[in-house]
Amino acid sequence: MALKEFIKINNLQKEINNIFEKVNEGVFGNYKRPAINVSQNNKSVTINVEIKGLNKEDITLKVNHNNLEILGEKKKSSSKENNGNYFEKSSYKG
């Protein structure tokens, strides 16, 4: 493949990614995808995903046919009692 063709394909990929980012923002608000790095050798594929605020235990991996789905969810709740009144606070980060 000639360098000119590669640059055209690379620019097209960037334009398509920008379109999908705008669609995501329209549907999900100012949602941004996490940073993802993929590397491969003869024996394996390594995927590194930077998901701020989540621990390994908060992440679920699902493989379905040829698709990998990475889901992150963090739930927190706390409760306390004050003079016979009970308070519970919950938060969710997905």
PDB file of N, CA and C in Angstrom:
ATOM      1  N   MET A   1       0.841  -1.167   0.000  1.00  0.00           N
ATOM      2  CA  MET A   1       0.000   0.000   0.000  1.00  0.00           C
ATOM      3  C   MET A   1       0.889   1.233   0.000  1.00  0.00           C
ATOM      4  N   ALA A   2       0.584   2.172  -0.860  1.00  0.00           N
ATOM      5  CA  ALA A   2       1.367   3.400  -0.954  1.00  0.00           C
ATOM      6  C   ALA A   2       1.089   4.290   0.250  1.00  0.00           C
ATOM      7  N   LEU A   3       2.054   5.130   0.570  1.00  0.00           N
ATOM      8  CA  LEU A   3       1.937   6.014   1.718  1.00  0.00           C
ATOM      9  C   LEU A   3       0.722   6.929   1.599  1.00  0.00           C
ATOM     10  N   LYS A   4       0.443   7.431   0.395  1.00  0.00           N
ATOM     11  CA  LYS A   4      -0.716   8.311   0.195  1.00  0.00           C
ATOM     12  C   LYS A   4      -2.017   7.586   0.556  1.00  0.00           C
ATOM     13  N   GLU A   5      -2.139   6.334   0.128  1.00  0.00           N
ATOM     14  CA  GLU A   5      -3.349   5.559   0.429  1.00  0.00           C
ATOM     15  C   GLU A   5      -3.474   5.314   1.930  1.00  0.00           C
ATOM     16  N   PHE A   6      -2.368   5.019   2.574  1.00  0.00           N
ATOM     17  CA  PHE A   6      -2.375   4.800   4.021  1.00  0.00           C
ATOM     18  C   PHE A   6      -2.828   6.058   4.759  1.00  0.00           C
ATOM     19  N   ILE A   7      -2.322   7.220   4.342  1.00  0.00           N
ATOM     20  CA  ILE A   7      -2.697   8.484   4.983  1.00  0.00           C
ATOM     21  C   ILE A   7      -4.184   8.755   4.778  1.00  0.00           C
ATOM     22  N   LYS A   8      -4.703   8.484   3.579  1.00  0.00           N
ATOM     23  CA  LYS A   8      -6.130   8.679   3.312  1.00  0.00           C
ATOM     24  C   LYS A   8      -6.976   7.775   4.210  1.00  0.00           C
ATOM     25  N   ILE A   9      -6.594   6.515   4.337  1.00  0.00           N
ATOM     26  CA  ILE A   9      -7.335   5.571   5.182  1.00  0.00           C
ATOM     27  C   ILE A   9      -7.253   6.000   6.644  1.00  0.00           C
ATOM     28  N   ASN A  10      -6.084   6.424   7.078  1.00  0.00           N
ATOM     29  CA  ASN A  10      -5.907   6.881   8.456  1.00  0.00           C
ATOM     30  C   ASN A  10      -6.777   8.106   8.740  1.00  0.00           C
ATOM     31  N   ASN A  11      -6.815   9.051   7.818  1.00  0.00           N
ATOM     32  CA  ASN A  11      -7.648  10.242   7.985  1.00  0.00           C
ATOM     33  C   ASN A  11      -9.132   9.874   7.989  1.00  0.00           C
ATOM     34  N   LEU A  12      -9.531   8.923   7.156  1.00  0.00           N
ATOM     35  CA  LEU A  12     -10.921   8.464   7.130  1.00  0.00           C
ATOM     36  C   LEU A  12     -11.288   7.822   8.461  1.00  0.00           C
ATOM     37  N   GLN A  13     -10.385   7.022   9.022  1.00  0.00           N
ATOM     38  CA  GLN A  13     -10.635   6.399  10.315  1.00  0.00           C
ATOM     39  C   GLN A  13     -10.819   7.462  11.395  1.00  0.00           C
ATOM     40  N   LYS A  14      -9.996   8.503  11.388  1.00  0.00           N
ATOM     41  CA  LYS A  14     -10.136   9.590  12.367  1.00  0.00           C
ATOM     42  C   LYS A  14     -11.488  10.290  12.225  1.00  0.00           C
ATOM     43  N   GLU A  15     -11.919  10.538  10.984  1.00  0.00           N
ATOM     44  CA  GLU A  15     -13.212  11.187  10.754  1.00  0.00           C
ATOM     45  C   GLU A  15     -14.361  10.319  11.275  1.00  0.00           C
ATOM     46  N   ILE A  16     -14.289   9.015  11.008  1.00  0.00           N
ATOM     47  CA  ILE A  16     -15.335   8.099  11.486  1.00  0.00           C
ATOM     48  C   ILE A  16     -15.354   8.068  13.007  1.00  0.00           C
ATOM     49  N   ASN A  17     -14.181   8.014  13.638  1.00  0.00           N
ATOM     50  CA  ASN A  17     -14.116   8.042  15.101  1.00  0.00           C
ATOM     51  C   ASN A  17     -14.725   9.326  15.659  1.00  0.00           C
ATOM     52  N   ASN A  18     -14.452  10.463  15.014  1.00  0.00           N
ATOM     53  CA  ASN A  18     -15.032  11.735  15.463  1.00  0.00           C
ATOM     54  C   ASN A  18     -16.551  11.721  15.350  1.00  0.00           C
ATOM     55  N   ILE A  19     -17.063  11.133  14.285  1.00  0.00           N
ATOM     56  CA  ILE A  19     -18.518  11.038  14.117  1.00  0.00           C
ATOM     57  C   ILE A  19     -19.125  10.215  15.244  1.00  0.00           C
ATOM     58  N   PHE A  20     -18.522   9.064  15.552  1.00  0.00           N
ATOM     59  CA  PHE A  20     -19.034   8.225  16.631  1.00  0.00           C
ATOM     60  C   PHE A  20     -18.932   8.929  17.986  1.00  0.00           C
ATOM     61  N   GLU A  21     -17.869   9.697  18.212  1.00  0.00           N
ATOM     62  CA  GLU A  21     -17.748  10.453  19.457  1.00  0.00           C
ATOM     63  C   GLU A  21     -18.889  11.461  19.586  1.00  0.00           C
ATOM     64  N   LYS A  22     -19.230  12.142  18.489  1.00  0.00           N
ATOM     65  CA  LYS A  22     -20.321  13.112  18.518  1.00  0.00           C
ATOM     66  C   LYS A  22     -21.660  12.422  18.767  1.00  0.00           C
ATOM     67  N   VAL A  23     -21.850  11.246  18.172  1.00  0.00           N
ATOM     68  CA  VAL A  23     -23.082  10.484  18.415  1.00  0.00           C
ATOM     69  C   VAL A  23     -23.148  10.082  19.887  1.00  0.00           C
ATOM     70  N   ASN A  24     -22.045   9.585  20.440  1.00  0.00           N
ATOM     71  CA  ASN A  24     -21.998   9.224  21.859  1.00  0.00           C
ATOM     72  C   ASN A  24     -22.353  10.414  22.739  1.00  0.00           C
ATOM     73  N   GLU A  25     -21.786  11.581  22.438  1.00  0.00           N
ATOM     74  CA  GLU A  25     -22.078  12.768  23.238  1.00  0.00           C
ATOM     75  C   GLU A  25     -23.549  13.127  23.148  1.00  0.00           C
ATOM     76  N   GLY A  26     -24.143  12.972  21.962  1.00  0.00           N
ATOM     77  CA  GLY A  26     -25.557  13.280  21.790  1.00  0.00           C
ATOM     78  C   GLY A  26     -26.455  12.332  22.552  1.00  0.00           C
ATOM     79  N   VAL A  27     -26.074  11.075  22.635  1.00  0.00           N
ATOM     80  CA  VAL A  27     -26.894  10.067  23.301  1.00  0.00           C
ATOM     81  C   VAL A  27     -26.591   9.997  24.785  1.00  0.00           C
ATOM     82  N   PHE A  28     -25.314   9.976  25.157  1.00  0.00           N
ATOM     83  CA  PHE A  28     -24.909   9.734  26.538  1.00  0.00           C
ATOM     84  C   PHE A  28     -24.393  10.984  27.251  1.00  0.00           C
ATOM     85  N   GLY A  29     -24.486  12.126  26.652  1.00  0.00           N
ATOM     86  CA  GLY A  29     -23.918  13.321  27.267  1.00  0.00           C
ATOM     87  C   GLY A  29     -22.449  13.410  26.892  1.00  0.00           C
ATOM     88  N   ASN A  30     -21.656  13.975  27.747  1.00  0.00           N
ATOM     89  CA  ASN A  30     -20.241  14.169  27.453  1.00  0.00           C
ATOM     90  C   ASN A  30     -19.436  12.922  27.827  1.00  0.00           C
ATOM     91  N   TYR A  31     -19.885  11.771  27.381  1.00  0.00           N
ATOM     92  CA  TYR A  31     -19.243  10.495  27.664  1.00  0.00           C
ATOM     93  C   TYR A  31     -17.995  10.339  26.804  1.00  0.00           C
ATOM     94  N   LYS A  32     -16.922   9.915  27.408  1.00  0.00           N
ATOM     95  CA  LYS A  32     -15.685   9.660  26.659  1.00  0.00           C
ATOM     96  C   LYS A  32     -15.263   8.213  26.866  1.00  0.00           C
ATOM     97  N   ARG A  33     -14.763   7.612  25.820  1.00  0.00           N
ATOM     98  CA  ARG A  33     -14.257   6.251  25.926  1.00  0.00           C
ATOM     99  C   ARG A  33     -12.961   6.246  26.708  1.00  0.00           C
ATOM    100  N   PRO A  34     -12.709   5.163  27.437  1.00  0.00           N
ATOM    101  CA  PRO A  34     -11.429   5.075  28.147  1.00  0.00           C
ATOM    102  C   PRO A  34     -10.283   4.856  27.160  1.00  0.00           C
ATOM    103  N   ALA A  35      -9.073   5.173  27.605  1.00  0.00           N
ATOM    104  CA  ALA A  35      -7.887   4.927  26.780  1.00  0.00           C
ATOM    105  C   ALA A  35      -7.684   3.421  26.661  1.00  0.00           C
ATOM    106  N   ILE A  36      -7.519   2.940  25.437  1.00  0.00           N
ATOM    107  CA  ILE A  36      -7.355   1.514  25.176  1.00  0.00           C
ATOM    108  C   ILE A  36      -6.116   1.308  24.311  1.00  0.00           C
ATOM    109  N   ASN A  37      -5.258   0.385  24.733  1.00  0.00           N
ATOM    110  CA  ASN A  37      -4.089  -0.006  23.948  1.00  0.00           C
ATOM    111  C   ASN A  37      -4.156  -1.499  23.685  1.00  0.00           C
ATOM    112  N   VAL A  38      -3.962  -1.880  22.432  1.00  0.00           N
ATOM    113  CA  VAL A  38      -4.010  -3.291  22.033  1.00  0.00           C
ATOM    114  C   VAL A  38      -2.672  -3.645  21.407  1.00  0.00           C
ATOM    115  N   SER A  39      -2.093  -4.748  21.868  1.00  0.00           N
ATOM    116  CA  SER A  39      -0.855  -5.249  21.266  1.00  0.00           C
ATOM    117  C   SER A  39      -1.009  -6.750  21.027  1.00  0.00           C
ATOM    118  N   GLN A  40      -0.229  -7.240  20.098  1.00  0.00           N
ATOM    119  CA  GLN A  40      -0.364  -8.640  19.705  1.00  0.00           C
ATOM    120  C   GLN A  40       1.002  -9.207  19.357  1.00  0.00           C
ATOM    121  N   ASN A  41       1.189 -10.485  19.704  1.00  0.00           N
ATOM    122  CA  ASN A  41       2.358 -11.213  19.235  1.00  0.00           C
ATOM    123  C   ASN A  41       1.872 -12.545  18.679  1.00  0.00           C
ATOM    124  N   ASN A  42       2.757 -13.470  18.432  1.00  0.00           N
ATOM    125  CA  ASN A  42       2.359 -14.750  17.829  1.00  0.00           C
ATOM    126  C   ASN A  42       1.493 -15.605  18.744  1.00  0.00           C
ATOM    127  N   LYS A  43       1.568 -15.373  20.068  1.00  0.00           N
ATOM    128  CA  LYS A  43       0.865 -16.230  21.011  1.00  0.00           C
ATOM    129  C   LYS A  43      -0.356 -15.591  21.663  1.00  0.00           C
ATOM    130  N   SER A  44      -0.406 -14.261  21.737  1.00  0.00           N
ATOM    131  CA  SER A  44      -1.488 -13.647  22.490  1.00  0.00           C
ATOM    132  C   SER A  44      -1.801 -12.234  22.022  1.00  0.00           C
ATOM    133  N   VAL A  45      -2.947 -11.745  22.486  1.00  0.00           N
ATOM    134  CA  VAL A  45      -3.360 -10.358  22.308  1.00  0.00           C
ATOM    135  C   VAL A  45      -3.485  -9.762  23.695  1.00  0.00           C
ATOM    136  N   THR A  46      -2.900  -8.592  23.905  1.00  0.00           N
ATOM    137  CA  THR A  46      -2.973  -7.915  25.197  1.00  0.00           C
ATOM    138  C   THR A  46      -3.762  -6.633  25.025  1.00  0.00           C
ATOM    139  N   ILE A  47      -4.744  -6.435  25.913  1.00  0.00           N
ATOM    140  CA  ILE A  47      -5.571  -5.235  25.873  1.00  0.00           C
ATOM    141  C   ILE A  47      -5.429  -4.528  27.217  1.00  0.00           C
ATOM    142  N   ASN A  48      -4.973  -3.288  27.187  1.00  0.00           N
ATOM    143  CA  ASN A  48      -4.866  -2.457  28.392  1.00  0.00           C
ATOM    144  C   ASN A  48      -5.917  -1.362  28.305  1.00  0.00           C
ATOM    145  N   VAL A  49      -6.741  -1.254  29.349  1.00  0.00           N
ATOM    146  CA  VAL A  49      -7.800  -0.256  29.397  1.00  0.00           C
ATOM    147  C   VAL A  49      -7.627   0.577  30.658  1.00  0.00           C
ATOM    148  N   GLU A  50      -7.613   1.881  30.504  1.00  0.00           N
ATOM    149  CA  GLU A  50      -7.485   2.781  31.655  1.00  0.00           C
ATOM    150  C   GLU A  50      -8.879   3.238  32.053  1.00  0.00           C
ATOM    151  N   ILE A  51      -9.341   2.735  33.196  1.00  0.00           N
ATOM    152  CA  ILE A  51     -10.672   3.082  33.689  1.00  0.00           C
ATOM    153  C   ILE A  51     -10.498   3.729  35.058  1.00  0.00           C
ATOM    154  N   LYS A  52     -10.552   5.037  35.093  1.00  0.00           N
ATOM    155  CA  LYS A  52     -10.306   5.807  36.311  1.00  0.00           C
ATOM    156  C   LYS A  52     -11.398   5.545  37.349  1.00  0.00           C
ATOM    157  N   GLY A  53     -10.971   5.324  38.582  1.00  0.00           N
ATOM    158  CA  GLY A  53     -11.902   5.198  39.685  1.00  0.00           C
ATOM    159  C   GLY A  53     -12.451   3.802  39.917  1.00  0.00           C
ATOM    160  N   LEU A  54     -12.082   2.834  39.087  1.00  0.00           N
ATOM    161  CA  LEU A  54     -12.571   1.470  39.255  1.00  0.00           C
ATOM    162  C   LEU A  54     -11.418   0.534  39.582  1.00  0.00           C
ATOM    163  N   ASN A  55     -11.684  -0.410  40.454  1.00  0.00           N
ATOM    164  CA  ASN A  55     -10.716  -1.458  40.761  1.00  0.00           C
ATOM    165  C   ASN A  55     -10.971  -2.659  39.867  1.00  0.00           C
ATOM    166  N   LYS A  56     -10.043  -3.581  39.870  1.00  0.00           N
ATOM    167  CA  LYS A  56     -10.163  -4.800  39.076  1.00  0.00           C
ATOM    168  C   LYS A  56     -11.474  -5.528  39.384  1.00  0.00           C
ATOM    169  N   GLU A  57     -11.885  -5.505  40.657  1.00  0.00           N
ATOM    170  CA  GLU A  57     -13.093  -6.204  41.081  1.00  0.00           C
ATOM    171  C   GLU A  57     -14.368  -5.548  40.539  1.00  0.00           C
ATOM    172  N   ASP A  58     -14.282  -4.285  40.114  1.00  0.00           N
ATOM    173  CA  ASP A  58     -15.442  -3.551  39.600  1.00  0.00           C
ATOM    174  C   ASP A  58     -15.646  -3.763  38.103  1.00  0.00           C
ATOM    175  N   ILE A  59     -14.771  -4.539  37.476  1.00  0.00           N
ATOM    176  CA  ILE A  59     -14.778  -4.696  36.018  1.00  0.00           C
ATOM    177  C   ILE A  59     -15.172  -6.116  35.647  1.00  0.00           C
ATOM    178  N   THR A  60     -16.044  -6.234  34.642  1.00  0.00           N
ATOM    179  CA  THR A  60     -16.479  -7.530  34.131  1.00  0.00           C
ATOM    180  C   THR A  60     -16.110  -7.620  32.653  1.00  0.00           C
ATOM    181  N   LEU A  61     -15.551  -8.747  32.253  1.00  0.00           N
ATOM    182  CA  LEU A  61     -15.235  -9.002  30.852  1.00  0.00           C
ATOM    183  C   LEU A  61     -16.211 -10.042  30.322  1.00  0.00           C
ATOM    184  N   LYS A  62     -16.783  -9.768  29.151  1.00  0.00           N
ATOM    185  CA  LYS A  62     -17.691 -10.716  28.506  1.00  0.00           C
ATOM    186  C   LYS A  62     -17.197 -10.965  27.089  1.00  0.00           C
ATOM    187  N   VAL A  63     -17.118 -12.232  26.719  1.00  0.00           N
ATOM    188  CA  VAL A  63     -16.732 -12.593  25.353  1.00  0.00           C
ATOM    189  C   VAL A  63     -17.926 -13.275  24.715  1.00  0.00           C
ATOM    190  N   ASN A  64     -18.357 -12.760  23.578  1.00  0.00           N
ATOM    191  CA  ASN A  64     -19.495 -13.314  22.862  1.00  0.00           C
ATOM    192  C   ASN A  64     -19.136 -13.363  21.381  1.00  0.00           C
ATOM    193  N   HIS A  65     -18.981 -14.554  20.855  1.00  0.00           N
ATOM    194  CA  HIS A  65     -18.511 -14.764  19.481  1.00  0.00           C
ATOM    195  C   HIS A  65     -17.144 -14.101  19.338  1.00  0.00           C
ATOM    196  N   ASN A  66     -17.004 -13.112  18.473  1.00  0.00           N
ATOM    197  CA  ASN A  66     -15.713 -12.443  18.276  1.00  0.00           C
ATOM    198  C   ASN A  66     -15.656 -11.071  18.943  1.00  0.00           C
ATOM    199  N   ASN A  67     -16.532 -10.815  19.908  1.00  0.00           N
ATOM    200  CA  ASN A  67     -16.599  -9.508  20.557  1.00  0.00           C
ATOM    201  C   ASN A  67     -16.157  -9.596  22.010  1.00  0.00           C
ATOM    202  N   LEU A  68     -15.427  -8.596  22.451  1.00  0.00           N
ATOM    203  CA  LEU A  68     -15.043  -8.462  23.848  1.00  0.00           C
ATOM    204  C   LEU A  68     -15.766  -7.241  24.392  1.00  0.00           C
ATOM    205  N   GLU A  69     -16.494  -7.422  25.478  1.00  0.00           N
ATOM    206  CA  GLU A  69     -17.212  -6.328  26.116  1.00  0.00           C
ATOM    207  C   GLU A  69     -16.588  -6.102  27.491  1.00  0.00           C
ATOM    208  N   ILE A  70     -16.209  -4.858  27.768  1.00  0.00           N
ATOM    209  CA  ILE A  70     -15.607  -4.496  29.044  1.00  0.00           C
ATOM    210  C   ILE A  70     -16.603  -3.600  29.770  1.00  0.00           C
ATOM    211  N   LEU A  71     -17.087  -4.078  30.920  1.00  0.00           N
ATOM    212  CA  LEU A  71     -18.088  -3.344  31.688  1.00  0.00           C
ATOM    213  C   LEU A  71     -17.499  -2.934  33.026  1.00  0.00           C
ATOM    214  N   GLY A  72     -17.704  -1.696  33.408  1.00  0.00           N
ATOM    215  CA  GLY A  72     -17.233  -1.226  34.701  1.00  0.00           C
ATOM    216  C   GLY A  72     -18.384  -0.644  35.489  1.00  0.00           C
ATOM    217  N   GLU A  73     -18.451  -1.024  36.756  1.00  0.00           N
ATOM    218  CA  GLU A  73     -19.538  -0.538  37.592  1.00  0.00           C
ATOM    219  C   GLU A  73     -19.056  -0.458  39.031  1.00  0.00           C
ATOM    220  N   LYS A  74     -19.340   0.649  39.673  1.00  0.00           N
ATOM    221  CA  LYS A  74     -18.946   0.812  41.064  1.00  0.00           C
ATOM    222  C   LYS A  74     -20.159   1.295  41.843  1.00  0.00           C
ATOM    223  N   LYS A  75     -20.518   0.533  42.857  1.00  0.00           N
ATOM    224  CA  LYS A  75     -21.637   0.897  43.717  1.00  0.00           C
ATOM    225  C   LYS A  75     -21.094   1.091  45.128  1.00  0.00           C
ATOM    226  N   LYS A  76     -21.596   2.101  45.794  1.00  0.00           N
ATOM    227  CA  LYS A  76     -21.203   2.376  47.165  1.00  0.00           C
ATOM    228  C   LYS A  76     -22.454   2.689  47.957  1.00  0.00           C
ATOM    229  N   SER A  77     -22.511   2.213  49.161  1.00  0.00           N
ATOM    230  CA  SER A  77     -23.603   2.616  50.034  1.00  0.00           C
ATOM    231  C   SER A  77     -23.094   2.630  51.470  1.00  0.00           C
ATOM    232  N   SER A  78     -23.678   3.506  52.237  1.00  0.00           N
ATOM    233  CA  SER A  78     -23.344   3.581  53.647  1.00  0.00           C
ATOM    234  C   SER A  78     -24.609   3.952  54.410  1.00  0.00           C
ATOM    235  N   SER A  79     -24.677   3.537  55.642  1.00  0.00           N
ATOM    236  CA  SER A  79     -25.829   3.881  56.469  1.00  0.00           C
ATOM    237  C   SER A  79     -25.338   4.237  57.869  1.00  0.00           C
ATOM    238  N   LYS A  80     -26.112   5.075  58.530  1.00  0.00           N
ATOM    239  CA  LYS A  80     -25.763   5.431  59.896  1.00  0.00           C
ATOM    240  C   LYS A  80     -27.041   5.751  60.663  1.00  0.00           C
ATOM    241  N   GLU A  81     -26.931   5.662  61.954  1.00  0.00           N
ATOM    242  CA  GLU A  81     -28.074   5.920  62.835  1.00  0.00           C
ATOM    243  C   GLU A  81     -27.742   7.148  63.669  1.00  0.00           C
ATOM    244  N   ASN A  82     -28.721   8.041  63.788  1.00  0.00           N
ATOM    245  CA  ASN A  82     -28.534   9.259  64.562  1.00  0.00           C
ATOM    246  C   ASN A  82     -29.822   9.537  65.330  1.00  0.00           C
ATOM    247  N   ASN A  83     -29.779   9.389  66.639  1.00  0.00           N
ATOM    248  CA  ASN A  83     -30.945   9.643  67.502  1.00  0.00           C
ATOM    249  C   ASN A  83     -32.192   8.879  67.056  1.00  0.00           C
ATOM    250  N   GLY A  84     -32.036   7.621  66.726  1.00  0.00           N
ATOM    251  CA  GLY A  84     -33.182   6.806  66.317  1.00  0.00           C
ATOM    252  C   GLY A  84     -33.575   6.962  64.859  1.00  0.00           C
ATOM    253  N   ASN A  85     -32.937   7.867  64.127  1.00  0.00           N
ATOM    254  CA  ASN A  85     -33.188   8.036  62.684  1.00  0.00           C
ATOM    255  C   ASN A  85     -32.088   7.324  61.911  1.00  0.00           C
ATOM    256  N   TYR A  86     -32.472   6.637  60.863  1.00  0.00           N
ATOM    257  CA  TYR A  86     -31.508   5.909  60.037  1.00  0.00           C
ATOM    258  C   TYR A  86     -31.355   6.615  58.696  1.00  0.00           C
ATOM    259  N   PHE A  87     -30.112   6.763  58.275  1.00  0.00           N
ATOM    260  CA  PHE A  87     -29.803   7.401  57.002  1.00  0.00           C
ATOM    261  C   PHE A  87     -29.013   6.425  56.149  1.00  0.00           C
ATOM    262  N   GLU A  88     -29.365   6.369  54.887  1.00  0.00           N
ATOM    263  CA  GLU A  88     -28.619   5.532  53.952  1.00  0.00           C
ATOM    264  C   GLU A  88     -28.288   6.365  52.727  1.00  0.00           C
ATOM    265  N   LYS A  89     -27.035   6.268  52.302  1.00  0.00           N
ATOM    266  CA  LYS A  89     -26.573   7.006  51.132  1.00  0.00           C
ATOM    267  C   LYS A  89     -26.004   6.011  50.130  1.00  0.00           C
ATOM    268  N   SER A  90     -26.425   6.123  48.886  1.00  0.00           N
ATOM    269  CA  SER A  90     -25.944   5.228  47.830  1.00  0.00           C
ATOM    270  C   SER A  90     -25.436   6.056  46.665  1.00  0.00           C
ATOM    271  N   SER A  91     -24.457   5.520  45.987  1.00  0.00           N
ATOM    272  CA  SER A  91     -23.970   6.146  44.754  1.00  0.00           C
ATOM    273  C   SER A  91     -23.628   5.052  43.765  1.00  0.00           C
ATOM    274  N   TYR A  92     -23.623   5.413  42.513  1.00  0.00           N
ATOM    275  CA  TYR A  92     -23.400   4.459  41.443  1.00  0.00           C
ATOM    276  C   TYR A  92     -22.538   5.130  40.395  1.00  0.00           C
ATOM    277  N   LYS A  93     -21.552   4.414  39.915  1.00  0.00           N
ATOM    278  CA  LYS A  93     -20.681   4.917  38.856  1.00  0.00           C
ATOM    279  C   LYS A  93     -20.573   3.817  37.823  1.00  0.00           C
ATOM    280  N   GLY A  94     -21.055   4.057  36.629  1.00  0.00           N
ATOM    281  CA  GLY A  94     -21.041   3.014  35.606  1.00  0.00           C
ATOM    282  C   GLY A  94     -20.406   3.459  34.342  1.00  0.00           C
TER     283      GLY A  94
END
